[in-house]
Amino acid sequence: MKSVHILLISILMISLPVAAGKGKVVYQTANLIITKLSPGVFEHTSFLKTDDFGTVPCNGMIVRDGDETVIFDTTVDDVSSEELINWISGTLNCKITAVVATHFHADCLGGLRAFHQHGIPSYASSQTIALAKEHDFNIPTNSIDDTFTFQVGNKEVQTRYFGKGHTSDNIVAYFPDEHTLFGGCLIKELKAGKGYLGDANTQEWPGTVHKVKQAFPDVKTVIPGHGKTGNCKLLDYTIQLFEE
């Protein structure tokens, strides 16, 4: 049994970089992958076990400038979030000035307790905070407006709410210096299915993504909530998927 267990771990470790999409994997364990997408942007990927979809890779974004970082979405649990925090402080030698939840589901808030234990401020929209309270999930401590700008080093990264889609509260984050959009679960990877729709508004979803596309015409890198990172084709694919 021990040899089978080791073999399974080995297979998992070999296959994990595929889930990361573009970029260079700079850290990898069974719980967490960190991929460098550009000088100031990293993608973190952790793994959520679900009843309907099996084990699902869940993405978040790290933006860095100088010795500061801002994280968008926690990992799926406290163990992998602790791992992420330790990597940022130990390998990047950076301070985490904020963690931002892009909607109220576990793939955004599941590891929030670890950040709070480290005294890291957490942020989300008032909608997300209300929904997290309603569902008895981890609760971010600071509310942000529909448009909000975070300072990271000498640069800025913006969060915006464009409307309903995957959930009623989903927001996106854009780092203009490196033309990178974190779409979260509002944006699908290429060839993805519609996924979990329990809190979705499928009628408004394509119109919301149209607004995202219009707002950021110079986007070059798009990080979806699940699956492979790509470019603006992910926006077009998501629109088409929900217009059908």
C-alpha atoms as a PDB file:
ATOM      1  CA  MET A   1       0.000   0.000   0.000  1.00  0.00           C
ATOM      2  CA  LYS A   2       2.855   2.364   0.831  1.00  0.00           C
ATOM      3  CA  SER A   3       4.370   1.976  -2.649  1.00  0.00           C
ATOM      4  CA  VAL A   4       0.961   2.617  -4.249  1.00  0.00           C
ATOM      5  CA  HIS A   5       0.544   5.765  -2.146  1.00  0.00           C
ATOM      6  CA  ILE A   6       3.980   7.040  -3.213  1.00  0.00           C
ATOM      7  CA  LEU A   7       3.161   6.285  -6.857  1.00  0.00           C
ATOM      8  CA  LEU A   8      -0.100   8.248  -6.643  1.00  0.00           C
ATOM      9  CA  ILE A   9       1.691  11.235  -5.134  1.00  0.00           C
ATOM     10  CA  SER A  10       4.339  11.056  -7.867  1.00  0.00           C
ATOM     11  CA  ILE A  11       1.690  10.998 -10.596  1.00  0.00           C
ATOM     12  CA  LEU A  12      -0.052  13.963  -8.986  1.00  0.00           C
ATOM     13  CA  MET A  13       3.175  15.952  -8.743  1.00  0.00           C
ATOM     14  CA  ILE A  14       3.947  15.280 -12.417  1.00  0.00           C
ATOM     15  CA  SER A  15       0.479  16.273 -13.582  1.00  0.00           C
ATOM     16  CA  LEU A  16      -0.039  19.400 -11.440  1.00  0.00           C
ATOM     17  CA  PRO A  17       1.898  21.883 -13.637  1.00  0.00           C
ATOM     18  CA  VAL A  18      -0.575  21.185 -16.436  1.00  0.00           C
ATOM     19  CA  ALA A  19      -3.316  22.801 -14.350  1.00  0.00           C
ATOM     20  CA  ALA A  20      -1.262  25.961 -13.975  1.00  0.00           C
ATOM     21  CA  GLY A  21      -1.413  26.898 -17.667  1.00  0.00           C
ATOM     22  CA  LYS A  22       1.028  29.558 -18.912  1.00  0.00           C
ATOM     23  CA  GLY A  23       3.977  30.728 -16.841  1.00  0.00           C
ATOM     24  CA  LYS A  24       6.700  29.049 -14.809  1.00  0.00           C
ATOM     25  CA  VAL A  25       5.952  26.892 -11.774  1.00  0.00           C
ATOM     26  CA  VAL A  26       8.168  28.194  -8.936  1.00  0.00           C
ATOM     27  CA  TYR A  27       6.695  26.207  -6.026  1.00  0.00           C
ATOM     28  CA  GLN A  28       4.831  22.926  -5.920  1.00  0.00           C
ATOM     29  CA  THR A  29       3.500  20.504  -3.325  1.00  0.00           C
ATOM     30  CA  ALA A  30       0.480  18.216  -3.222  1.00  0.00           C
ATOM     31  CA  ASN A  31      -1.545  21.083  -1.710  1.00  0.00           C
ATOM     32  CA  LEU A  32      -0.331  24.155  -3.562  1.00  0.00           C
ATOM     33  CA  ILE A  33       1.185  25.309  -6.852  1.00  0.00           C
ATOM     34  CA  ILE A  34       2.597  28.797  -7.368  1.00  0.00           C
ATOM     35  CA  THR A  35       3.204  29.917 -10.944  1.00  0.00           C
ATOM     36  CA  LYS A  36       5.070  33.058 -11.983  1.00  0.00           C
ATOM     37  CA  LEU A  37       3.165  34.675 -14.850  1.00  0.00           C
ATOM     38  CA  SER A  38       5.131  37.930 -15.146  1.00  0.00           C
ATOM     39  CA  PRO A  39       7.590  39.943 -13.006  1.00  0.00           C
ATOM     40  CA  GLY A  40       4.899  41.155 -10.625  1.00  0.00           C
ATOM     41  CA  VAL A  41       2.159  38.534 -10.925  1.00  0.00           C
ATOM     42  CA  PHE A  42       1.914  35.004  -9.575  1.00  0.00           C
ATOM     43  CA  GLU A  43      -0.961  32.547  -9.697  1.00  0.00           C
ATOM     44  CA  HIS A  44      -1.656  30.308  -6.707  1.00  0.00           C
ATOM     45  CA  THR A  45      -3.547  27.058  -7.248  1.00  0.00           C
ATOM     46  CA  SER A  46      -4.984  24.832  -4.530  1.00  0.00           C
ATOM     47  CA  PHE A  47      -7.346  21.879  -4.712  1.00  0.00           C
ATOM     48  CA  LEU A  48     -10.949  21.629  -3.550  1.00  0.00           C
ATOM     49  CA  LYS A  49     -12.629  18.245  -3.103  1.00  0.00           C
ATOM     50  CA  THR A  50     -16.248  18.388  -4.305  1.00  0.00           C
ATOM     51  CA  ASP A  51     -19.054  15.846  -4.526  1.00  0.00           C
ATOM     52  CA  ASP A  52     -20.144  16.820  -8.051  1.00  0.00           C
ATOM     53  CA  PHE A  53     -16.875  17.646  -9.822  1.00  0.00           C
ATOM     54  CA  GLY A  54     -14.211  15.662  -7.973  1.00  0.00           C
ATOM     55  CA  THR A  55     -10.984  17.450  -7.027  1.00  0.00           C
ATOM     56  CA  VAL A  56     -11.027  20.909  -8.596  1.00  0.00           C
ATOM     57  CA  PRO A  57      -7.979  23.197  -9.057  1.00  0.00           C
ATOM     58  CA  CYS A  58      -8.794  26.671  -7.695  1.00  0.00           C
ATOM     59  CA  ASN A  59      -6.796  29.737  -8.723  1.00  0.00           C
ATOM     60  CA  GLY A  60      -5.957  33.005  -7.038  1.00  0.00           C
ATOM     61  CA  MET A  61      -3.613  35.877  -7.865  1.00  0.00           C
ATOM     62  CA  ILE A  62      -0.637  37.406  -6.088  1.00  0.00           C
ATOM     63  CA  VAL A  63       0.449  40.903  -7.144  1.00  0.00           C
ATOM     64  CA  ARG A  64       3.897  42.074  -6.026  1.00  0.00           C
ATOM     65  CA  ASP A  65       5.814  45.330  -6.184  1.00  0.00           C
ATOM     66  CA  GLY A  66       8.931  45.889  -4.128  1.00  0.00           C
ATOM     67  CA  ASP A  67       8.538  44.114  -0.794  1.00  0.00           C
ATOM     68  CA  GLU A  68       4.726  44.172  -0.743  1.00  0.00           C
ATOM     69  CA  THR A  69       2.058  41.818  -2.065  1.00  0.00           C
ATOM     70  CA  VAL A  70      -1.719  41.746  -2.311  1.00  0.00           C
ATOM     71  CA  ILE A  71      -3.477  38.382  -2.646  1.00  0.00           C
ATOM     72  CA  PHE A  72      -6.772  37.815  -4.443  1.00  0.00           C
ATOM     73  CA  ASP A  73      -8.690  34.857  -3.003  1.00  0.00           C
ATOM     74  CA  THR A  74      -7.351  32.591  -0.319  1.00  0.00           C
ATOM     75  CA  THR A  75      -6.501  29.006  -1.051  1.00  0.00           C
ATOM     76  CA  VAL A  76      -9.199  26.439  -0.314  1.00  0.00           C
ATOM     77  CA  ASP A  77      -8.229  25.784   3.322  1.00  0.00           C
ATOM     78  CA  ASP A  78      -6.062  26.999   6.203  1.00  0.00           C
ATOM     79  CA  VAL A  79      -3.302  24.433   5.611  1.00  0.00           C
ATOM     80  CA  SER A  80      -2.578  25.520   2.029  1.00  0.00           C
ATOM     81  CA  SER A  81      -3.070  29.213   2.935  1.00  0.00           C
ATOM     82  CA  GLU A  82      -0.454  28.848   5.674  1.00  0.00           C
ATOM     83  CA  GLU A  83       1.831  27.318   3.058  1.00  0.00           C
ATOM     84  CA  LEU A  84       1.182  30.264   0.727  1.00  0.00           C
ATOM     85  CA  ILE A  85       1.815  32.834   3.456  1.00  0.00           C
ATOM     86  CA  ASN A  86       5.078  31.133   4.433  1.00  0.00           C
ATOM     87  CA  TRP A  87       6.260  31.033   0.809  1.00  0.00           C
ATOM     88  CA  ILE A  88       5.568  34.723   0.284  1.00  0.00           C
ATOM     89  CA  SER A  89       7.335  35.752   3.488  1.00  0.00           C
ATOM     90  CA  GLY A  90      10.185  33.250   3.241  1.00  0.00           C
ATOM     91  CA  THR A  91      10.908  33.055  -0.503  1.00  0.00           C
ATOM     92  CA  LEU A  92       9.684  36.382  -1.848  1.00  0.00           C
ATOM     93  CA  ASN A  93      10.668  38.181   1.370  1.00  0.00           C
ATOM     94  CA  CYS A  94       7.490  40.215   1.032  1.00  0.00           C
ATOM     95  CA  LYS A  95       4.788  41.485   3.339  1.00  0.00           C
ATOM     96  CA  ILE A  96       1.151  40.637   2.552  1.00  0.00           C
ATOM     97  CA  THR A  97      -0.705  43.927   2.918  1.00  0.00           C
ATOM     98  CA  ALA A  98      -4.162  42.576   2.017  1.00  0.00           C
ATOM     99  CA  VAL A  99      -6.101  39.470   1.020  1.00  0.00           C
ATOM    100  CA  VAL A 100      -9.206  40.072  -1.090  1.00  0.00           C
ATOM    101  CA  ALA A 101     -12.109  37.650  -1.565  1.00  0.00           C
ATOM    102  CA  THR A 102     -13.730  37.944  -4.995  1.00  0.00           C
ATOM    103  CA  HIS A 103     -16.939  36.159  -3.925  1.00  0.00           C
ATOM    104  CA  PHE A 104     -18.315  34.226  -0.960  1.00  0.00           C
ATOM    105  CA  HIS A 105     -17.605  30.601  -1.936  1.00  0.00           C
ATOM    106  CA  ALA A 106     -15.065  28.356  -0.186  1.00  0.00           C
ATOM    107  CA  ASP A 107     -12.533  28.598  -3.012  1.00  0.00           C
ATOM    108  CA  CYS A 108     -12.212  32.309  -2.157  1.00  0.00           C
ATOM    109  CA  LEU A 109     -12.621  32.266   1.628  1.00  0.00           C
ATOM    110  CA  GLY A 110     -11.679  28.755   2.709  1.00  0.00           C
ATOM    111  CA  GLY A 111      -8.259  29.712   4.043  1.00  0.00           C
ATOM    112  CA  LEU A 112      -9.168  33.107   5.491  1.00  0.00           C
ATOM    113  CA  ARG A 113      -8.584  32.065   9.107  1.00  0.00           C
ATOM    114  CA  ALA A 114      -4.873  31.522   8.417  1.00  0.00           C
ATOM    115  CA  PHE A 115      -4.533  35.081   7.122  1.00  0.00           C
ATOM    116  CA  HIS A 116      -6.356  36.486  10.144  1.00  0.00           C
ATOM    117  CA  GLN A 117      -4.073  34.526  12.476  1.00  0.00           C
ATOM    118  CA  HIS A 118      -1.131  36.312  10.854  1.00  0.00           C
ATOM    119  CA  GLY A 119      -2.822  39.701  11.307  1.00  0.00           C
ATOM    120  CA  ILE A 120      -3.279  40.197   7.556  1.00  0.00           C
ATOM    121  CA  PRO A 121      -6.206  42.528   6.710  1.00  0.00           C
ATOM    122  CA  SER A 122      -8.973  40.938   4.640  1.00  0.00           C
ATOM    123  CA  TYR A 123     -11.305  42.696   2.222  1.00  0.00           C
ATOM    124  CA  ALA A 124     -14.453  41.956   0.242  1.00  0.00           C
ATOM    125  CA  SER A 125     -17.513  43.738  -1.066  1.00  0.00           C
ATOM    126  CA  SER A 126     -20.424  44.359   1.283  1.00  0.00           C
ATOM    127  CA  GLN A 127     -22.383  41.774  -0.753  1.00  0.00           C
ATOM    128  CA  THR A 128     -19.714  39.141  -0.191  1.00  0.00           C
ATOM    129  CA  ILE A 129     -19.516  39.865   3.529  1.00  0.00           C
ATOM    130  CA  ALA A 130     -23.308  39.629   3.869  1.00  0.00           C
ATOM    131  CA  LEU A 131     -23.441  36.328   1.954  1.00  0.00           C
ATOM    132  CA  ALA A 132     -20.538  34.885   3.958  1.00  0.00           C
ATOM    133  CA  LYS A 133     -22.399  35.722   7.170  1.00  0.00           C
ATOM    134  CA  GLU A 134     -25.638  34.252   5.810  1.00  0.00           C
ATOM    135  CA  HIS A 135     -23.944  30.942   4.971  1.00  0.00           C
ATOM    136  CA  ASP A 136     -21.818  30.886   8.143  1.00  0.00           C
ATOM    137  CA  PHE A 137     -18.565  31.010   6.156  1.00  0.00           C
ATOM    138  CA  ASN A 138     -15.316  32.798   6.992  1.00  0.00           C
ATOM    139  CA  ILE A 139     -15.983  36.545   7.054  1.00  0.00           C
ATOM    140  CA  PRO A 140     -13.637  39.228   5.640  1.00  0.00           C
ATOM    141  CA  THR A 141     -13.171  42.103   8.055  1.00  0.00           C
ATOM    142  CA  ASN A 142     -13.151  45.120   5.726  1.00  0.00           C
ATOM    143  CA  SER A 143     -15.799  46.191   3.177  1.00  0.00           C
ATOM    144  CA  ILE A 144     -14.858  47.749  -0.179  1.00  0.00           C
ATOM    145  CA  ASP A 145     -16.890  49.695  -2.732  1.00  0.00           C
ATOM    146  CA  ASP A 146     -17.865  48.457  -6.199  1.00  0.00           C
ATOM    147  CA  THR A 147     -14.664  50.095  -7.474  1.00  0.00           C
ATOM    148  CA  PHE A 148     -11.675  50.032  -5.155  1.00  0.00           C
ATOM    149  CA  THR A 149      -7.927  50.512  -5.593  1.00  0.00           C
ATOM    150  CA  PHE A 150      -5.290  48.687  -3.566  1.00  0.00           C
ATOM    151  CA  GLN A 151      -1.772  50.053  -3.275  1.00  0.00           C
ATOM    152  CA  VAL A 152       0.984  47.471  -3.643  1.00  0.00           C
ATOM    153  CA  GLY A 153       4.449  48.988  -3.382  1.00  0.00           C
ATOM    154  CA  ASN A 154       4.464  51.902  -5.812  1.00  0.00           C
ATOM    155  CA  LYS A 155       1.787  50.414  -8.046  1.00  0.00           C
ATOM    156  CA  GLU A 156      -1.973  49.972  -7.955  1.00  0.00           C
ATOM    157  CA  VAL A 157      -4.366  47.103  -8.564  1.00  0.00           C
ATOM    158  CA  GLN A 158      -8.072  47.714  -8.983  1.00  0.00           C
ATOM    159  CA  THR A 159     -11.104  45.640  -8.048  1.00  0.00           C
ATOM    160  CA  ARG A 160     -14.453  46.216  -9.752  1.00  0.00           C
ATOM    161  CA  TYR A 161     -17.967  44.838  -9.643  1.00  0.00           C
ATOM    162  CA  PHE A 162     -19.630  44.568 -13.063  1.00  0.00           C
ATOM    163  CA  GLY A 163     -22.758  42.560 -12.264  1.00  0.00           C
ATOM    164  CA  LYS A 164     -24.087  39.084 -11.614  1.00  0.00           C
ATOM    165  CA  GLY A 165     -22.673  35.898 -13.107  1.00  0.00           C
ATOM    166  CA  HIS A 166     -21.214  32.942 -11.230  1.00  0.00           C
ATOM    167  CA  THR A 167     -22.636  34.590  -8.107  1.00  0.00           C
ATOM    168  CA  SER A 168     -24.440  37.851  -7.416  1.00  0.00           C
ATOM    169  CA  ASP A 169     -21.335  39.282  -5.704  1.00  0.00           C
ATOM    170  CA  ASN A 170     -18.451  38.256  -8.011  1.00  0.00           C
ATOM    171  CA  ILE A 171     -15.790  40.935  -8.543  1.00  0.00           C
ATOM    172  CA  VAL A 172     -12.644  40.975 -10.686  1.00  0.00           C
ATOM    173  CA  ALA A 173      -9.170  42.432 -10.131  1.00  0.00           C
ATOM    174  CA  TYR A 174      -7.001  44.167 -12.720  1.00  0.00           C
ATOM    175  CA  PHE A 175      -3.273  44.973 -12.521  1.00  0.00           C
ATOM    176  CA  PRO A 176      -2.755  47.503 -15.321  1.00  0.00           C
ATOM    177  CA  ASP A 177       1.054  47.636 -15.141  1.00  0.00           C
ATOM    178  CA  GLU A 178       1.216  44.035 -16.346  1.00  0.00           C
ATOM    179  CA  HIS A 179      -2.144  43.907 -18.177  1.00  0.00           C
ATOM    180  CA  THR A 180      -3.340  41.044 -16.000  1.00  0.00           C
ATOM    181  CA  LEU A 181      -6.949  40.319 -15.071  1.00  0.00           C
ATOM    182  CA  PHE A 182      -7.990  37.977 -12.295  1.00  0.00           C
ATOM    183  CA  GLY A 183     -11.481  37.021 -13.388  1.00  0.00           C
ATOM    184  CA  GLY A 184     -12.081  34.494 -10.640  1.00  0.00           C
ATOM    185  CA  CYS A 185     -15.056  32.204 -11.125  1.00  0.00           C
ATOM    186  CA  LEU A 186     -16.796  34.764 -13.334  1.00  0.00           C
ATOM    187  CA  ILE A 187     -14.397  33.714 -16.127  1.00  0.00           C
ATOM    188  CA  LYS A 188     -14.083  30.190 -17.542  1.00  0.00           C
ATOM    189  CA  GLU A 189     -11.015  28.501 -18.956  1.00  0.00           C
ATOM    190  CA  LEU A 190     -11.176  27.552 -22.630  1.00  0.00           C
ATOM    191  CA  LYS A 191     -13.326  24.470 -23.306  1.00  0.00           C
ATOM    192  CA  ALA A 192     -14.715  24.448 -19.754  1.00  0.00           C
ATOM    193  CA  GLY A 193     -18.295  23.520 -18.998  1.00  0.00           C
ATOM    194  CA  LYS A 194     -20.632  25.801 -17.084  1.00  0.00           C
ATOM    195  CA  GLY A 195     -19.672  24.298 -13.740  1.00  0.00           C
ATOM    196  CA  TYR A 196     -21.524  24.909 -10.494  1.00  0.00           C
ATOM    197  CA  LEU A 197     -24.604  27.080 -11.072  1.00  0.00           C
ATOM    198  CA  GLY A 198     -26.260  26.913  -7.655  1.00  0.00           C
ATOM    199  CA  ASP A 199     -25.741  30.641  -6.997  1.00  0.00           C
ATOM    200  CA  ALA A 200     -25.442  31.776 -10.622  1.00  0.00           C
ATOM    201  CA  ASN A 201     -27.402  34.158 -12.805  1.00  0.00           C
ATOM    202  CA  THR A 202     -26.842  32.649 -16.245  1.00  0.00           C
ATOM    203  CA  GLN A 203     -28.978  35.248 -18.027  1.00  0.00           C
ATOM    204  CA  GLU A 204     -26.911  38.196 -16.807  1.00  0.00           C
ATOM    205  CA  TRP A 205     -23.559  36.373 -16.899  1.00  0.00           C
ATOM    206  CA  PRO A 206     -22.603  37.093 -20.563  1.00  0.00           C
ATOM    207  CA  GLY A 207     -23.575  40.757 -20.263  1.00  0.00           C
ATOM    208  CA  THR A 208     -21.428  41.109 -17.146  1.00  0.00           C
ATOM    209  CA  VAL A 209     -18.408  39.670 -18.950  1.00  0.00           C
ATOM    210  CA  HIS A 210     -19.070  41.993 -21.909  1.00  0.00           C
ATOM    211  CA  LYS A 211     -18.669  44.886 -19.458  1.00  0.00           C
ATOM    212  CA  VAL A 212     -15.399  43.435 -18.181  1.00  0.00           C
ATOM    213  CA  LYS A 213     -14.068  43.146 -21.723  1.00  0.00           C
ATOM    214  CA  GLN A 214     -15.018  46.736 -22.551  1.00  0.00           C
ATOM    215  CA  ALA A 215     -13.468  48.068 -19.345  1.00  0.00           C
ATOM    216  CA  PHE A 216     -10.059  46.426 -19.911  1.00  0.00           C
ATOM    217  CA  PRO A 217      -9.360  46.465 -23.669  1.00  0.00           C
ATOM    218  CA  ASP A 218      -5.584  46.138 -23.166  1.00  0.00           C
ATOM    219  CA  VAL A 219      -5.713  42.945 -21.105  1.00  0.00           C
ATOM    220  CA  LYS A 220      -3.111  40.349 -22.098  1.00  0.00           C
ATOM    221  CA  THR A 221      -3.321  37.733 -19.337  1.00  0.00           C
ATOM    222  CA  VAL A 222      -6.573  36.399 -17.867  1.00  0.00           C
ATOM    223  CA  ILE A 223      -6.633  34.148 -14.800  1.00  0.00           C
ATOM    224  CA  PRO A 224      -9.879  32.140 -14.428  1.00  0.00           C
ATOM    225  CA  GLY A 225     -11.143  30.811 -11.129  1.00  0.00           C
ATOM    226  CA  HIS A 226     -10.434  27.251 -12.260  1.00  0.00           C
ATOM    227  CA  GLY A 227      -8.177  25.769 -14.914  1.00  0.00           C
ATOM    228  CA  LYS A 228      -5.618  27.194 -17.288  1.00  0.00           C
ATOM    229  CA  THR A 229      -4.677  30.843 -17.483  1.00  0.00           C
ATOM    230  CA  GLY A 230      -4.878  32.410 -20.943  1.00  0.00           C
ATOM    231  CA  ASN A 231      -5.620  35.688 -22.691  1.00  0.00           C
ATOM    232  CA  CYS A 232      -8.708  37.680 -23.672  1.00  0.00           C
ATOM    233  CA  LYS A 233     -10.051  34.638 -25.545  1.00  0.00           C
ATOM    234  CA  LEU A 234     -11.243  33.419 -22.131  1.00  0.00           C
ATOM    235  CA  LEU A 235     -13.604  36.404 -21.969  1.00  0.00           C
ATOM    236  CA  ASP A 236     -15.002  35.649 -25.421  1.00  0.00           C
ATOM    237  CA  TYR A 237     -15.378  31.972 -24.582  1.00  0.00           C
ATOM    238  CA  THR A 238     -17.253  32.722 -21.347  1.00  0.00           C
ATOM    239  CA  ILE A 239     -19.616  35.098 -23.156  1.00  0.00           C
ATOM    240  CA  GLN A 240     -20.304  32.523 -25.865  1.00  0.00           C
ATOM    241  CA  LEU A 241     -20.794  29.712 -23.336  1.00  0.00           C
ATOM    242  CA  PHE A 242     -23.600  31.511 -21.527  1.00  0.00           C
ATOM    243  CA  GLU A 243     -25.188  33.095 -24.573  1.00  0.00           C
ATOM    244  CA  GLU A 244     -26.008  29.629 -25.948  1.00  0.00           C
END
